[in-house]
């Protein structure tokens, strides 16, 4: 059952991509709105990694399962843009784009800072930056969740009044 929950979280960005695409077309969203949606999405992805600490013991297993659809989507985008040189007008061509849609605005901004000297941007490179961000945010969430589960914290535990009276 726990693996099913992990797989459900892994596939959930598809559920954000399709309605976001419709909303972008209908309400003419761009710029700051999409950046805010990207921040919310990465916050959600951090929480997904945090929750996955309850369902797996290994951070590697959690990262591979949690980002498996992102990796498959990245491979499909790379094959379509590099080998085929166009996106197929079917579910195989559209779904990978919808998977990365909530995270693309922030990934494009980071890519423009990293690759400021290149005159051309490639979509597969933006998707790679998005994939790398998703993996990093997910791992950070899992790390925080596993630290909480073990009871360790970055801050030392402050003694309460009973502890002070016992001394």
Foldseek 3Di string as FASTA:
>chain_A
DLLVVLLCLLLCLLVVLPVVVVCCVPVVDDDPVLVVLQVVVLVSLLQSLLVCLVRDVDLVVSLCSSNVVLVVLLVLVCCCCPPVVHFDPDCSRVSSCSSCRSNQVVLVVVVCVVPVPDPDDDPSNSSVSSSVSSSVSSSNSNVVNNCVVVPHDPDDDDDDPVVVVVD
